[in-house]
Each structure stands twice: as structure tokens, then as C-alpha cells.
Amino acid sequence: MPKFGLVGKRLGHSFSKSYFEEKFQREGLDHTFENFELPAIEDVRKVFSIPDLKGFSVTIPYKEQIIPFLDSMSEEAGEIGAVNCVRISADGQKTGYNTDAFGFHQMIKPFLTNEHERAIILGTGGASKAVAYVLKNIGLDVIWISRNPKNEKEFRYEAMNEYMLRACKVVVNCTPVGTFPNIDECIPFPFEFLTESHLCIDLIYNPEETRFLREAHGRGATTLNGLSMLKEQANKAWEIWNS
């Protein structure tokens, strides 16, 4: 029986298991999908040894940490520097892909306007790398907000101001802050500088509207959660696993 799954640290909030189980039932597929909660990335070796495992998705905080455990990566995943999909071939070769980029691109395309020339990305983890890859390829300039800025285009949360928000009309939250069950949490953000021209995206999908999105919507911004991105990247992962 072909097996698939999701690797992460805490997966109680995850959408993937129910999504794929419903898909298998709907399409009459004799497959299984399991959540693999790993205290440390080194435990992925046990996952790789599971018989009939054809592939799995990867989520926080292992999208970068899993790379040394793979035999190869797609060119796109290598450019992004993060993997959220692993395919295991019949001979046991483990190949990493990034379907976050595909999912994010599909989600954002209908909402971009000529006012969206620059973007702020909140967080610097694996998901933010895929988001930055897409935005740069579309032609947007990107800056990052981080608790511990390390590069020229990274700034502390306290550095966000009216000038920065006036210049950057796209804001993407790539942090897990506000994820269920901590739905009252929110990153420190100057919502008072948002306008109707802003597009604010939160990659979180549970809850459907995070406090970040609620505050942004209250200022007139267009808001999107991460559910459609998640569905798009899941379908792309399924295509890769069965290629």
C-alpha cells in the first residue's frame, strides 16, 4: 500500500492529512497519509526507512534542515534554499522539491496591481525563501523583517515605519505567529500605516482570519490567508510523488 505523509515538529494544526485522506477516499485510492512529528530533524532517518513510503511534505521548522538528508534537489529548490516536498523513488533515492513557490505564485497572481512594486516579508524561515523567490521573479523588490537581521535587506520589527509601508504595498507574514491555538497572538506591526492599496497576506490558514489579517482588513487592505496556496502546493506535491 503506497504511503505518504507530512514531516514537522508539531502537526496538530495541519490540513494535509485530512486533505489527502479525503482525496484518497474520493478517488478510490488504497493509500495512507500519516503525520510524522519529529522532535529533531535527525529522526527523519526513521521516516525514510518506512516500507512503501513514496513521499512526504515538510513543514516548520524543517524546510531547510532536511536538505543534508537528501540525495538531490530540483534546480528550483536549490535556488530557493528550502524544501517542502520529498519524493522517494523505487530505488530509494530521496529528492527534494519546493512546491511552496508554485502555490504562492498561483495564489497571488490575481491580486497584484501596478501599485505593487515592493514587498515586505515578515520572517526569514523556509517559507519566506519561497515567497521571496516568487516575488523577485515577478519583478518586485523585497525586504525582510526579522527578530535577528543578518543581511543588508533585513530589518528589525521596530524599524517598520510610515515611509517603509508607503513604499511597500505588499506585506507577507511568513511567521507562525497567530496559528491555532494561539489565535490572539500577533506580530508587532504598524497597522496604522496600511491603506486600501496594500495587499496583506498571511500564510497561516488556521484560523481562517488571523489577528494580523483582521487588523489589516480593518485598515482597508486587501487580505489573503494561506489556504489556497496550501491546496495548490499540495496538488503539485501529489503530481511530483506520482511522476
Foldseek 3Di string as FASTA:
>chain_A
DAEEEEEEADPPQPDPQVVVVVVCVVVVHPYHYYYDHDNDLVCCVVVLPDPNYFKYFYDPPCQQVCVVVAPEEDPVCVQLNGFGIWGQDPVGHIYGYDLLLVLVLVVCVVPDDPLAAEEEEEDDGSSVSSVVVNCVVVHHHYAYEDCDDDDPRYHHQVPDDLVNCSNHQEYEYPDCFCAPPNQQGDDDHDLVNHALSHEYEYQHPVPVAGPVNVSNVVRNYHYHYNPSSVVSSSVVSVVVSVD
